[in-house]
Amino acid sequence: MARTCLIAREEKRHRLYEKYRKQREELKANGDYEELQKLPRDSSVTRLKNRCMFTGRARSYYRKFGVSRLVFREMALRGEIPGVKKSSW
């Protein structure tokens, strides 16, 4: 489980991104980079990090399922992900 402060920080970045998204797009389209630099850093899309929805883990994240590899494995073994099963040969 990730520290709760890291999860909260990521949620804050996501809120800032949503708040300034339109303004950022307009400034980029107009080429006004001086005003763009005055916006908060955390409102940039490149500052966002994908995290597992259950554990908050940032590494080895599967975008298609929204979880980390560890949670994905447990869910697959329990049969909670349709169409996914453990392979054996």
PDB file of N, CA and C in Angstrom:
ATOM      1  N   MET A   1       0.842  -1.178   0.000  1.00  0.00           N
ATOM      2  CA  MET A   1       0.000   0.000   0.000  1.00  0.00           C
ATOM      3  C   MET A   1       0.885   1.237   0.000  1.00  0.00           C
ATOM      4  N   ALA A   2       0.601   2.157  -0.888  1.00  0.00           N
ATOM      5  CA  ALA A   2       1.371   3.389  -0.966  1.00  0.00           C
ATOM      6  C   ALA A   2       1.018   4.304   0.199  1.00  0.00           C
ATOM      7  N   ARG A   3       1.921   5.183   0.520  1.00  0.00           N
ATOM      8  CA  ARG A   3       1.639   6.146   1.590  1.00  0.00           C
ATOM      9  C   ARG A   3       0.458   7.009   1.173  1.00  0.00           C
ATOM     10  N   THR A   4      -0.369   7.345   2.124  1.00  0.00           N
ATOM     11  CA  THR A   4      -1.584   8.103   1.808  1.00  0.00           C
ATOM     12  C   THR A   4      -1.261   9.512   1.333  1.00  0.00           C
ATOM     13  N   CYS A   5      -0.117  10.056   1.759  1.00  0.00           N
ATOM     14  CA  CYS A   5       0.243  11.397   1.308  1.00  0.00           C
ATOM     15  C   CYS A   5       0.539  11.404  -0.191  1.00  0.00           C
ATOM     16  N   LEU A   6       1.115  10.313  -0.713  1.00  0.00           N
ATOM     17  CA  LEU A   6       1.397  10.237  -2.150  1.00  0.00           C
ATOM     18  C   LEU A   6       0.112  10.138  -2.952  1.00  0.00           C
ATOM     19  N   ILE A   7      -0.844   9.386  -2.433  1.00  0.00           N
ATOM     20  CA  ILE A   7      -2.135   9.261  -3.108  1.00  0.00           C
ATOM     21  C   ILE A   7      -2.862  10.596  -3.092  1.00  0.00           C
ATOM     22  N   ALA A   8      -2.827  11.292  -1.957  1.00  0.00           N
ATOM     23  CA  ALA A   8      -3.483  12.599  -1.836  1.00  0.00           C
ATOM     24  C   ALA A   8      -2.828  13.624  -2.752  1.00  0.00           C
ATOM     25  N   ARG A   9      -1.508  13.577  -2.861  1.00  0.00           N
ATOM     26  CA  ARG A   9      -0.789  14.507  -3.741  1.00  0.00           C
ATOM     27  C   ARG A   9      -1.200  14.297  -5.195  1.00  0.00           C
ATOM     28  N   GLU A  10      -1.356  13.028  -5.568  1.00  0.00           N
ATOM     29  CA  GLU A  10      -1.757  12.720  -6.947  1.00  0.00           C
ATOM     30  C   GLU A  10      -3.183  13.179  -7.212  1.00  0.00           C
ATOM     31  N   GLU A  11      -4.067  13.047  -6.235  1.00  0.00           N
ATOM     32  CA  GLU A  11      -5.444  13.526  -6.392  1.00  0.00           C
ATOM     33  C   GLU A  11      -5.472  15.042  -6.539  1.00  0.00           C
ATOM     34  N   LYS A  12      -4.622  15.727  -5.786  1.00  0.00           N
ATOM     35  CA  LYS A  12      -4.530  17.185  -5.877  1.00  0.00           C
ATOM     36  C   LYS A  12      -4.054  17.603  -7.268  1.00  0.00           C
ATOM     37  N   ARG A  13      -3.071  16.890  -7.800  1.00  0.00           N
ATOM     38  CA  ARG A  13      -2.577  17.194  -9.147  1.00  0.00           C
ATOM     39  C   ARG A  13      -3.665  16.976 -10.187  1.00  0.00           C
ATOM     40  N   HIS A  14      -4.453  15.930  -9.989  1.00  0.00           N
ATOM     41  CA  HIS A  14      -5.521  15.650 -10.940  1.00  0.00           C
ATOM     42  C   HIS A  14      -6.594  16.744 -10.902  1.00  0.00           C
ATOM     43  N   ARG A  15      -6.915  17.222  -9.710  1.00  0.00           N
ATOM     44  CA  ARG A  15      -7.888  18.321  -9.588  1.00  0.00           C
ATOM     45  C   ARG A  15      -7.362  19.588 -10.258  1.00  0.00           C
ATOM     46  N   LEU A  16      -6.082  19.916 -10.040  1.00  0.00           N
ATOM     47  CA  LEU A  16      -5.489  21.099 -10.663  1.00  0.00           C
ATOM     48  C   LEU A  16      -5.465  20.966 -12.178  1.00  0.00           C
ATOM     49  N   TYR A  17      -5.165  19.774 -12.665  1.00  0.00           N
ATOM     50  CA  TYR A  17      -5.150  19.548 -14.109  1.00  0.00           C
ATOM     51  C   TYR A  17      -6.530  19.810 -14.701  1.00  0.00           C
ATOM     52  N   GLU A  18      -7.567  19.286 -14.063  1.00  0.00           N
ATOM     53  CA  GLU A  18      -8.932  19.491 -14.559  1.00  0.00           C
ATOM     54  C   GLU A  18      -9.326  20.963 -14.503  1.00  0.00           C
ATOM     55  N   LYS A  19      -8.889  21.660 -13.466  1.00  0.00           N
ATOM     56  CA  LYS A  19      -9.250  23.065 -13.289  1.00  0.00           C
ATOM     57  C   LYS A  19      -8.645  23.955 -14.374  1.00  0.00           C
ATOM     58  N   TYR A  20      -7.381  23.713 -14.729  1.00  0.00           N
ATOM     59  CA  TYR A  20      -6.662  24.585 -15.661  1.00  0.00           C
ATOM     60  C   TYR A  20      -6.557  24.024 -17.071  1.00  0.00           C
ATOM     61  N   ARG A  21      -7.226  22.922 -17.375  1.00  0.00           N
ATOM     62  CA  ARG A  21      -7.056  22.269 -18.671  1.00  0.00           C
ATOM     63  C   ARG A  21      -7.446  23.172 -19.833  1.00  0.00           C
ATOM     64  N   LYS A  22      -8.640  23.770 -19.774  1.00  0.00           N
ATOM     65  CA  LYS A  22      -9.081  24.634 -20.888  1.00  0.00           C
ATOM     66  C   LYS A  22      -8.172  25.841 -21.052  1.00  0.00           C
ATOM     67  N   GLN A  23      -7.805  26.446 -19.926  1.00  0.00           N
ATOM     68  CA  GLN A  23      -6.947  27.624 -19.972  1.00  0.00           C
ATOM     69  C   GLN A  23      -5.592  27.269 -20.581  1.00  0.00           C
ATOM     70  N   ARG A  24      -5.057  26.120 -20.228  1.00  0.00           N
ATOM     71  CA  ARG A  24      -3.787  25.665 -20.796  1.00  0.00           C
ATOM     72  C   ARG A  24      -3.872  25.453 -22.296  1.00  0.00           C
ATOM     73  N   GLU A  25      -4.961  24.824 -22.744  1.00  0.00           N
ATOM     74  CA  GLU A  25      -5.138  24.572 -24.177  1.00  0.00           C
ATOM     75  C   GLU A  25      -5.219  25.879 -24.959  1.00  0.00           C
ATOM     76  N   GLU A  26      -5.940  26.864 -24.424  1.00  0.00           N
ATOM     77  CA  GLU A  26      -6.056  28.155 -25.105  1.00  0.00           C
ATOM     78  C   GLU A  26      -4.712  28.860 -25.186  1.00  0.00           C
ATOM     79  N   LEU A  27      -3.959  28.854 -24.087  1.00  0.00           N
ATOM     80  CA  LEU A  27      -2.658  29.518 -24.082  1.00  0.00           C
ATOM     81  C   LEU A  27      -1.685  28.841 -25.039  1.00  0.00           C
ATOM     82  N   LYS A  28      -1.728  27.518 -25.104  1.00  0.00           N
ATOM     83  CA  LYS A  28      -0.852  26.803 -26.035  1.00  0.00           C
ATOM     84  C   LYS A  28      -1.231  27.098 -27.482  1.00  0.00           C
ATOM     85  N   ALA A  29      -2.534  27.171 -27.755  1.00  0.00           N
ATOM     86  CA  ALA A  29      -2.987  27.450 -29.119  1.00  0.00           C
ATOM     87  C   ALA A  29      -2.572  28.855 -29.558  1.00  0.00           C
ATOM     88  N   ASN A  30      -2.600  29.802 -28.622  1.00  0.00           N
ATOM     89  CA  ASN A  30      -2.219  31.175 -28.943  1.00  0.00           C
ATOM     90  C   ASN A  30      -0.713  31.377 -28.932  1.00  0.00           C
ATOM     91  N   GLY A  31       0.028  30.432 -28.382  1.00  0.00           N
ATOM     92  CA  GLY A  31       1.483  30.558 -28.312  1.00  0.00           C
ATOM     93  C   GLY A  31       1.955  31.488 -27.223  1.00  0.00           C
ATOM     94  N   ASP A  32       1.123  31.729 -26.212  1.00  0.00           N
ATOM     95  CA  ASP A  32       1.460  32.638 -25.113  1.00  0.00           C
ATOM     96  C   ASP A  32       2.142  31.837 -23.996  1.00  0.00           C
ATOM     97  N   TYR A  33       3.423  31.586 -24.165  1.00  0.00           N
ATOM     98  CA  TYR A  33       4.142  30.717 -23.239  1.00  0.00           C
ATOM     99  C   TYR A  33       4.514  31.426 -21.943  1.00  0.00           C
ATOM    100  N   GLU A  34       4.570  32.754 -21.959  1.00  0.00           N
ATOM    101  CA  GLU A  34       4.870  33.479 -20.715  1.00  0.00           C
ATOM    102  C   GLU A  34       3.719  33.346 -19.722  1.00  0.00           C
ATOM    103  N   GLU A  35       2.501  33.433 -20.199  1.00  0.00           N
ATOM    104  CA  GLU A  35       1.339  33.247 -19.323  1.00  0.00           C
ATOM    105  C   GLU A  35       1.193  31.786 -18.913  1.00  0.00           C
ATOM    106  N   LEU A  36       1.595  30.901 -19.799  1.00  0.00           N
ATOM    107  CA  LEU A  36       1.522  29.468 -19.504  1.00  0.00           C
ATOM    108  C   LEU A  36       2.444  29.109 -18.341  1.00  0.00           C
ATOM    109  N   GLN A  37       3.593  29.782 -18.260  1.00  0.00           N
ATOM    110  CA  GLN A  37       4.532  29.511 -17.172  1.00  0.00           C
ATOM    111  C   GLN A  37       4.022  30.001 -15.828  1.00  0.00           C
ATOM    112  N   LYS A  38       3.076  30.919 -15.830  1.00  0.00           N
ATOM    113  CA  LYS A  38       2.535  31.462 -14.580  1.00  0.00           C
ATOM    114  C   LYS A  38       1.504  30.537 -13.939  1.00  0.00           C
ATOM    115  N   LEU A  39       1.025  29.558 -14.706  1.00  0.00           N
ATOM    116  CA  LEU A  39       0.079  28.590 -14.151  1.00  0.00           C
ATOM    117  C   LEU A  39       0.819  27.638 -13.205  1.00  0.00           C
ATOM    118  N   PRO A  40       0.105  26.995 -12.292  1.00  0.00           N
ATOM    119  CA  PRO A  40       0.768  26.062 -11.365  1.00  0.00           C
ATOM    120  C   PRO A  40       1.421  24.899 -12.108  1.00  0.00           C
ATOM    121  N   ARG A  41       2.557  24.457 -11.626  1.00  0.00           N
ATOM    122  CA  ARG A  41       3.277  23.352 -12.265  1.00  0.00           C
ATOM    123  C   ARG A  41       2.460  22.076 -12.240  1.00  0.00           C
ATOM    124  N   ASP A  42       1.783  21.839 -11.142  1.00  0.00           N
ATOM    125  CA  ASP A  42       1.042  20.588 -11.002  1.00  0.00           C
ATOM    126  C   ASP A  42      -0.195  20.526 -11.885  1.00  0.00           C
ATOM    127  N   SER A  43      -0.498  21.595 -12.601  1.00  0.00           N
ATOM    128  CA  SER A  43      -1.650  21.567 -13.498  1.00  0.00           C
ATOM    129  C   SER A  43      -1.285  21.029 -14.878  1.00  0.00           C
ATOM    130  N   SER A  44      -0.027  20.652 -15.059  1.00  0.00           N
ATOM    131  CA  SER A  44       0.416  20.101 -16.335  1.00  0.00           C
ATOM    132  C   SER A  44       0.104  18.613 -16.407  1.00  0.00           C
ATOM    133  N   VAL A  45      -0.218  18.144 -17.597  1.00  0.00           N
ATOM    134  CA  VAL A  45      -0.565  16.734 -17.780  1.00  0.00           C
ATOM    135  C   VAL A  45       0.644  15.829 -17.558  1.00  0.00           C
ATOM    136  N   THR A  46       1.840  16.335 -17.778  1.00  0.00           N
ATOM    137  CA  THR A  46       3.027  15.504 -17.609  1.00  0.00           C
ATOM    138  C   THR A  46       3.352  15.247 -16.150  1.00  0.00           C
ATOM    139  N   ARG A  47       2.735  15.979 -15.231  1.00  0.00           N
ATOM    140  CA  ARG A  47       2.981  15.756 -13.806  1.00  0.00           C
ATOM    141  C   ARG A  47       2.107  14.637 -13.233  1.00  0.00           C
ATOM    142  N   LEU A  48       1.104  14.205 -14.001  1.00  0.00           N
ATOM    143  CA  LEU A  48       0.214  13.148 -13.519  1.00  0.00           C
ATOM    144  C   LEU A  48       0.906  11.799 -13.602  1.00  0.00           C
ATOM    145  N   LYS A  49       0.614  10.945 -12.648  1.00  0.00           N
ATOM    146  CA  LYS A  49       1.181   9.598 -12.604  1.00  0.00           C
ATOM    147  C   LYS A  49       0.046   8.609 -12.402  1.00  0.00           C
ATOM    148  N   ASN A  50       0.021   7.567 -13.214  1.00  0.00           N
ATOM    149  CA  ASN A  50      -1.004   6.534 -13.058  1.00  0.00           C
ATOM    150  C   ASN A  50      -0.727   5.730 -11.802  1.00  0.00           C
ATOM    151  N   ARG A  51      -1.786   5.483 -11.031  1.00  0.00           N
ATOM    152  CA  ARG A  51      -1.658   4.707  -9.798  1.00  0.00           C
ATOM    153  C   ARG A  51      -2.745   3.655  -9.734  1.00  0.00           C
ATOM    154  N   CYS A  52      -2.436   2.557  -9.061  1.00  0.00           N
ATOM    155  CA  CYS A  52      -3.393   1.469  -8.859  1.00  0.00           C
ATOM    156  C   CYS A  52      -4.563   1.996  -8.036  1.00  0.00           C
ATOM    157  N   MET A  53      -5.780   1.642  -8.448  1.00  0.00           N
ATOM    158  CA  MET A  53      -6.959   2.157  -7.754  1.00  0.00           C
ATOM    159  C   MET A  53      -7.171   1.505  -6.388  1.00  0.00           C
ATOM    160  N   PHE A  54      -6.539   0.374  -6.137  1.00  0.00           N
ATOM    161  CA  PHE A  54      -6.714  -0.313  -4.859  1.00  0.00           C
ATOM    162  C   PHE A  54      -5.577  -0.046  -3.884  1.00  0.00           C
ATOM    163  N   THR A  55      -4.335  -0.095  -4.371  1.00  0.00           N
ATOM    164  CA  THR A  55      -3.196   0.040  -3.473  1.00  0.00           C
ATOM    165  C   THR A  55      -2.475   1.374  -3.599  1.00  0.00           C
ATOM    166  N   GLY A  56      -2.662   2.074  -4.699  1.00  0.00           N
ATOM    167  CA  GLY A  56      -1.959   3.334  -4.913  1.00  0.00           C
ATOM    168  C   GLY A  56      -0.555   3.147  -5.458  1.00  0.00           C
ATOM    169  N   ARG A  57      -0.208   1.929  -5.800  1.00  0.00           N
ATOM    170  CA  ARG A  57       1.127   1.644  -6.327  1.00  0.00           C
ATOM    171  C   ARG A  57       1.303   2.309  -7.688  1.00  0.00           C
ATOM    172  N   ALA A  58       2.459   2.956  -7.900  1.00  0.00           N
ATOM    173  CA  ALA A  58       2.705   3.688  -9.137  1.00  0.00           C
ATOM    174  C   ALA A  58       3.459   2.857 -10.174  1.00  0.00           C
ATOM    175  N   ARG A  59       4.222   1.888  -9.722  1.00  0.00           N
ATOM    176  CA  ARG A  59       5.014   1.095 -10.671  1.00  0.00           C
ATOM    177  C   ARG A  59       4.216  -0.120 -11.144  1.00  0.00           C
ATOM    178  N   SER A  60       4.566  -0.576 -12.334  1.00  0.00           N
ATOM    179  CA  SER A  60       3.951  -1.739 -12.981  1.00  0.00           C
ATOM    180  C   SER A  60       2.436  -1.633 -12.989  1.00  0.00           C
ATOM    181  N   TYR A  61       1.964  -0.546 -13.575  1.00  0.00           N
ATOM    182  CA  TYR A  61       0.535  -0.239 -13.647  1.00  0.00           C
ATOM    183  C   TYR A  61      -0.008  -0.683 -15.000  1.00  0.00           C
ATOM    184  N   TYR A  62      -1.089  -1.451 -15.002  1.00  0.00           N
ATOM    185  CA  TYR A  62      -1.745  -1.860 -16.247  1.00  0.00           C
ATOM    186  C   TYR A  62      -2.868  -0.876 -16.549  1.00  0.00           C
ATOM    187  N   ARG A  63      -2.682  -0.088 -17.584  1.00  0.00           N
ATOM    188  CA  ARG A  63      -3.631   0.963 -17.921  1.00  0.00           C
ATOM    189  C   ARG A  63      -5.005   0.410 -18.283  1.00  0.00           C
ATOM    190  N   LYS A  64      -5.030  -0.711 -18.984  1.00  0.00           N
ATOM    191  CA  LYS A  64      -6.288  -1.296 -19.434  1.00  0.00           C
ATOM    192  C   LYS A  64      -7.196  -1.679 -18.261  1.00  0.00           C
ATOM    193  N   PHE A  65      -6.593  -2.110 -17.167  1.00  0.00           N
ATOM    194  CA  PHE A  65      -7.371  -2.562 -16.018  1.00  0.00           C
ATOM    195  C   PHE A  65      -7.370  -1.571 -14.862  1.00  0.00           C
ATOM    196  N   GLY A  66      -6.431  -0.634 -14.847  1.00  0.00           N
ATOM    197  CA  GLY A  66      -6.377   0.378 -13.801  1.00  0.00           C
ATOM    198  C   GLY A  66      -5.798  -0.112 -12.488  1.00  0.00           C
ATOM    199  N   VAL A  67      -5.043  -1.219 -12.537  1.00  0.00           N
ATOM    200  CA  VAL A  67      -4.468  -1.775 -11.314  1.00  0.00           C
ATOM    201  C   VAL A  67      -3.005  -2.139 -11.545  1.00  0.00           C
ATOM    202  N   SER A  68      -2.291  -2.395 -10.454  1.00  0.00           N
ATOM    203  CA  SER A  68      -0.898  -2.821 -10.559  1.00  0.00           C
ATOM    204  C   SER A  68      -0.844  -4.311 -10.865  1.00  0.00           C
ATOM    205  N   ARG A  69       0.333  -4.794 -11.181  1.00  0.00           N
ATOM    206  CA  ARG A  69       0.495  -6.200 -11.555  1.00  0.00           C
ATOM    207  C   ARG A  69       0.158  -7.132 -10.401  1.00  0.00           C
ATOM    208  N   LEU A  70       0.418  -6.689  -9.180  1.00  0.00           N
ATOM    209  CA  LEU A  70       0.155  -7.536  -8.018  1.00  0.00           C
ATOM    210  C   LEU A  70      -1.350  -7.715  -7.802  1.00  0.00           C
ATOM    211  N   VAL A  71      -2.083  -6.616  -7.890  1.00  0.00           N
ATOM    212  CA  VAL A  71      -3.526  -6.683  -7.717  1.00  0.00           C
ATOM    213  C   VAL A  71      -4.153  -7.414  -8.903  1.00  0.00           C
ATOM    214  N   PHE A  72      -3.620  -7.170 -10.093  1.00  0.00           N
ATOM    215  CA  PHE A  72      -4.128  -7.850 -11.285  1.00  0.00           C
ATOM    216  C   PHE A  72      -4.013  -9.366 -11.131  1.00  0.00           C
ATOM    217  N   ARG A  73      -2.870  -9.830 -10.644  1.00  0.00           N
ATOM    218  CA  ARG A  73      -2.650 -11.263 -10.473  1.00  0.00           C
ATOM    219  C   ARG A  73      -3.642 -11.853  -9.481  1.00  0.00           C
ATOM    220  N   GLU A  74      -3.824 -11.180  -8.358  1.00  0.00           N
ATOM    221  CA  GLU A  74      -4.760 -11.679  -7.351  1.00  0.00           C
ATOM    222  C   GLU A  74      -6.198 -11.715  -7.887  1.00  0.00           C
ATOM    223  N   MET A  75      -6.591 -10.669  -8.607  1.00  0.00           N
ATOM    224  CA  MET A  75      -7.942 -10.619  -9.159  1.00  0.00           C
ATOM    225  C   MET A  75      -8.139 -11.696 -10.226  1.00  0.00           C
ATOM    226  N   ALA A  76      -7.105 -11.931 -11.034  1.00  0.00           N
ATOM    227  CA  ALA A  76      -7.201 -12.948 -12.077  1.00  0.00           C
ATOM    228  C   ALA A  76      -7.311 -14.334 -11.470  1.00  0.00           C
ATOM    229  N   LEU A  77      -6.561 -14.600 -10.417  1.00  0.00           N
ATOM    230  CA  LEU A  77      -6.612 -15.910  -9.776  1.00  0.00           C
ATOM    231  C   LEU A  77      -7.964 -16.160  -9.108  1.00  0.00           C
ATOM    232  N   ARG A  78      -8.586 -15.088  -8.603  1.00  0.00           N
ATOM    233  CA  ARG A  78      -9.903 -15.229  -7.982  1.00  0.00           C
ATOM    234  C   ARG A  78     -11.030 -15.259  -9.015  1.00  0.00           C
ATOM    235  N   GLY A  79     -10.689 -14.977 -10.281  1.00  0.00           N
ATOM    236  CA  GLY A  79     -11.690 -15.001 -11.347  1.00  0.00           C
ATOM    237  C   GLY A  79     -12.525 -13.739 -11.417  1.00  0.00           C
ATOM    238  N   GLU A  80     -12.009 -12.626 -10.939  1.00  0.00           N
ATOM    239  CA  GLU A  80     -12.751 -11.365 -10.918  1.00  0.00           C
ATOM    240  C   GLU A  80     -12.598 -10.565 -12.206  1.00  0.00           C
ATOM    241  N   ILE A  81     -11.678 -10.980 -13.078  1.00  0.00           N
ATOM    242  CA  ILE A  81     -11.479 -10.296 -14.352  1.00  0.00           C
ATOM    243  C   ILE A  81     -11.980 -11.225 -15.443  1.00  0.00           C
ATOM    244  N   PRO A  82     -13.062 -10.855 -16.139  1.00  0.00           N
ATOM    245  CA  PRO A  82     -13.610 -11.742 -17.156  1.00  0.00           C
ATOM    246  C   PRO A  82     -12.630 -11.962 -18.311  1.00  0.00           C
ATOM    247  N   GLY A  83     -12.535 -13.209 -18.747  1.00  0.00           N
ATOM    248  CA  GLY A  83     -11.700 -13.546 -19.896  1.00  0.00           C
ATOM    249  C   GLY A  83     -10.241 -13.737 -19.584  1.00  0.00           C
ATOM    250  N   VAL A  84      -9.843 -13.613 -18.323  1.00  0.00           N
ATOM    251  CA  VAL A  84      -8.437 -13.775 -17.951  1.00  0.00           C
ATOM    252  C   VAL A  84      -8.328 -15.003 -17.059  1.00  0.00           C
ATOM    253  N   LYS A  85      -7.402 -15.894 -17.422  1.00  0.00           N
ATOM    254  CA  LYS A  85      -7.166 -17.060 -16.574  1.00  0.00           C
ATOM    255  C   LYS A  85      -5.682 -17.384 -16.597  1.00  0.00           C
ATOM    256  N   LYS A  86      -5.238 -18.091 -15.605  1.00  0.00           N
ATOM    257  CA  LYS A  86      -3.833 -18.470 -15.494  1.00  0.00           C
ATOM    258  C   LYS A  86      -3.511 -19.490 -16.578  1.00  0.00           C
ATOM    259  N   SER A  87      -2.436 -19.240 -17.280  1.00  0.00           N
ATOM    260  CA  SER A  87      -2.071 -20.161 -18.357  1.00  0.00           C
ATOM    261  C   SER A  87      -1.208 -21.284 -17.810  1.00  0.00           C
ATOM    262  N   SER A  88      -1.316 -22.434 -18.439  1.00  0.00           N
ATOM    263  CA  SER A  88      -0.457 -23.555 -18.095  1.00  0.00           C
ATOM    264  C   SER A  88      -0.223 -24.373 -19.358  1.00  0.00           C
ATOM    265  N   TRP A  89       0.992 -24.906 -19.488  1.00  0.00           N
ATOM    266  CA  TRP A  89       1.290 -25.712 -20.656  1.00  0.00           C
ATOM    267  C   TRP A  89       2.223 -26.830 -20.311  1.00  0.00           C
TER     268      TRP A  89
END
